[in-house]
Amino acid sequence: MSMRVNRVAEQMKKELGDIIGQRLKDPRIGFVTVTDVEVTGDLQQATIYISVLGKDSEKEASLEGLKKAKGFIRSEIGKRIRLRKTPEIDFAFDESVAYGNRIESLLRDVKEDESDN
């Protein structure tokens, strides 16, 4: 991946934290953390990976709220980052956080089983 694509992704991640945290007023959107941004090499598409605290229903509601605010978020990014064309954005859950927690939980269980023996 080129340095420019990396820079754009990092800048978007930084700005998204501010936009989602400060500018969005949708009550469905809970405590959202932008964990990663992947931008295609041609800077046309960006996938924004998020993690959300709460129950599954709250997570889904937050994702819906973000998808509804896509146009606003994209225009805010366009104002803040100087690009000829602002990438189309899409949101997805970052499954790596849940995966990591699951592994940690399994390791804890194994350790407890060993200490019981």
Protein backbone atom coordinates (compact mmCIF):
# COMPACT_ATOMS: atom_id res chain seq x y z
CA MET A 1 0.00 0.00 0.00
CA SER A 2 1.31 3.43 -0.85
CA MET A 3 2.32 5.99 1.76
CA ARG A 4 -0.38 8.34 0.48
CA VAL A 5 -3.15 5.75 0.97
CA ASN A 6 -1.85 5.09 4.51
CA ARG A 7 -1.78 8.81 5.27
CA VAL A 8 -5.33 9.31 3.99
CA ALA A 9 -6.58 6.32 6.04
CA GLU A 10 -4.88 7.60 9.22
CA GLN A 11 -6.18 11.13 8.70
CA MET A 12 -9.70 9.80 8.09
CA LYS A 13 -9.51 7.68 11.26
CA LYS A 14 -8.50 10.74 13.30
CA GLU A 15 -11.23 12.96 11.83
CA LEU A 16 -13.91 10.26 12.14
CA GLY A 17 -13.30 9.98 15.86
CA ASP A 18 -14.05 13.68 16.17
CA ILE A 19 -17.01 13.69 13.77
CA ILE A 20 -18.73 10.68 15.35
CA GLY A 21 -17.96 11.76 18.90
CA GLN A 22 -18.81 15.45 18.62
CA ARG A 23 -20.95 16.21 15.59
CA LEU A 24 -23.51 13.40 15.30
CA LYS A 25 -26.69 13.87 17.30
CA ASP A 26 -28.42 10.57 16.43
CA PRO A 27 -29.56 9.00 19.72
CA ARG A 28 -29.11 5.49 18.25
CA ILE A 29 -25.37 5.96 18.03
CA GLY A 30 -23.80 4.72 21.26
CA PHE A 31 -20.20 4.61 22.37
CA VAL A 32 -18.46 3.99 19.03
CA THR A 33 -14.71 3.59 18.54
CA VAL A 34 -13.19 3.76 15.07
CA THR A 35 -10.64 0.94 15.16
CA ASP A 36 -9.38 1.06 11.58
CA VAL A 37 -9.93 2.62 8.17
CA GLU A 38 -9.06 0.78 4.96
CA VAL A 39 -8.86 2.89 1.81
CA THR A 40 -8.56 1.40 -1.67
CA GLY A 41 -5.45 2.24 -3.68
CA ASP A 42 -7.40 4.61 -5.95
CA LEU A 43 -8.87 6.43 -2.90
CA GLN A 44 -12.41 5.78 -4.17
CA GLN A 45 -13.67 3.56 -1.32
CA ALA A 46 -13.10 3.52 2.42
CA THR A 47 -14.25 0.86 4.86
CA ILE A 48 -14.50 2.16 8.40
CA TYR A 49 -14.18 -0.51 11.08
CA ILE A 50 -15.90 0.22 14.36
CA SER A 51 -16.38 -1.37 17.74
CA VAL A 52 -19.39 -0.48 19.87
CA LEU A 53 -19.88 -1.01 23.58
CA GLY A 54 -23.19 -2.54 24.58
CA LYS A 55 -25.64 -5.29 23.72
CA ASP A 56 -26.04 -6.63 20.19
CA SER A 57 -29.20 -4.57 19.70
CA GLU A 58 -27.32 -1.39 20.67
CA LYS A 59 -24.48 -2.29 18.33
CA GLU A 60 -26.91 -2.79 15.42
CA ALA A 61 -28.67 0.49 16.24
CA SER A 62 -25.33 2.34 16.23
CA LEU A 63 -24.41 0.83 12.87
CA GLU A 64 -27.80 1.83 11.42
CA GLY A 65 -27.37 5.38 12.73
CA LEU A 66 -23.92 5.65 11.19
CA LYS A 67 -25.16 4.32 7.86
CA LYS A 68 -27.97 6.90 7.87
CA ALA A 69 -25.43 9.67 8.58
CA LYS A 70 -23.07 8.50 5.82
CA GLY A 71 -23.69 11.54 3.60
CA PHE A 72 -23.09 13.99 6.43
CA ILE A 73 -19.97 12.13 7.60
CA ARG A 74 -18.58 12.02 4.07
CA SER A 75 -19.14 15.75 3.54
CA GLU A 76 -17.45 16.50 6.90
CA ILE A 77 -14.45 14.39 5.87
CA GLY A 78 -14.39 16.25 2.54
CA LYS A 79 -14.19 19.59 4.36
CA ARG A 80 -11.41 18.43 6.67
CA ILE A 81 -9.17 16.46 4.29
CA ARG A 82 -7.95 17.96 1.06
CA LEU A 83 -8.68 15.38 -1.63
CA ARG A 84 -9.94 15.79 -5.17
CA LYS A 85 -12.70 13.30 -4.46
CA THR A 86 -13.80 12.14 -1.02
CA PRO A 87 -13.96 8.33 -0.87
CA GLU A 88 -17.32 6.57 -0.65
CA ILE A 89 -17.59 5.25 2.89
CA ASP A 90 -18.99 2.08 4.37
CA PHE A 91 -19.13 0.94 7.99
CA ALA A 92 -18.38 -2.55 9.31
CA PHE A 93 -17.92 -4.08 12.72
CA ASP A 94 -14.34 -4.82 13.70
CA GLU A 95 -14.58 -8.49 14.55
CA SER A 96 -10.94 -8.66 15.68
CA VAL A 97 -11.82 -7.12 19.07
CA ALA A 98 -14.48 -9.77 19.77
CA TYR A 99 -12.15 -12.47 18.43
CA GLY A 100 -9.35 -11.33 20.74
CA ASN A 101 -11.71 -11.27 23.74
CA ARG A 102 -12.88 -14.80 22.91
CA ILE A 103 -9.29 -16.10 22.76
CA GLU A 104 -8.48 -14.38 26.06
CA SER A 105 -11.55 -15.95 27.67
CA LEU A 106 -10.59 -19.43 26.39
CA LEU A 107 -7.02 -19.04 27.67
CA ARG A 108 -8.34 -17.96 31.08
CA ASP A 109 -10.58 -21.07 31.19
CA VAL A 110 -7.64 -23.35 30.34
CA LYS A 111 -5.49 -21.73 33.02
CA GLU A 112 -8.26 -22.16 35.63
CA ASP A 113 -8.69 -25.84 34.66
CA GLU A 114 -4.95 -26.42 35.07
CA SER A 115 -4.87 -24.79 38.51
CA ASP A 116 -7.86 -26.92 39.63
CA ASN A 117 -5.94 -30.13 38.90
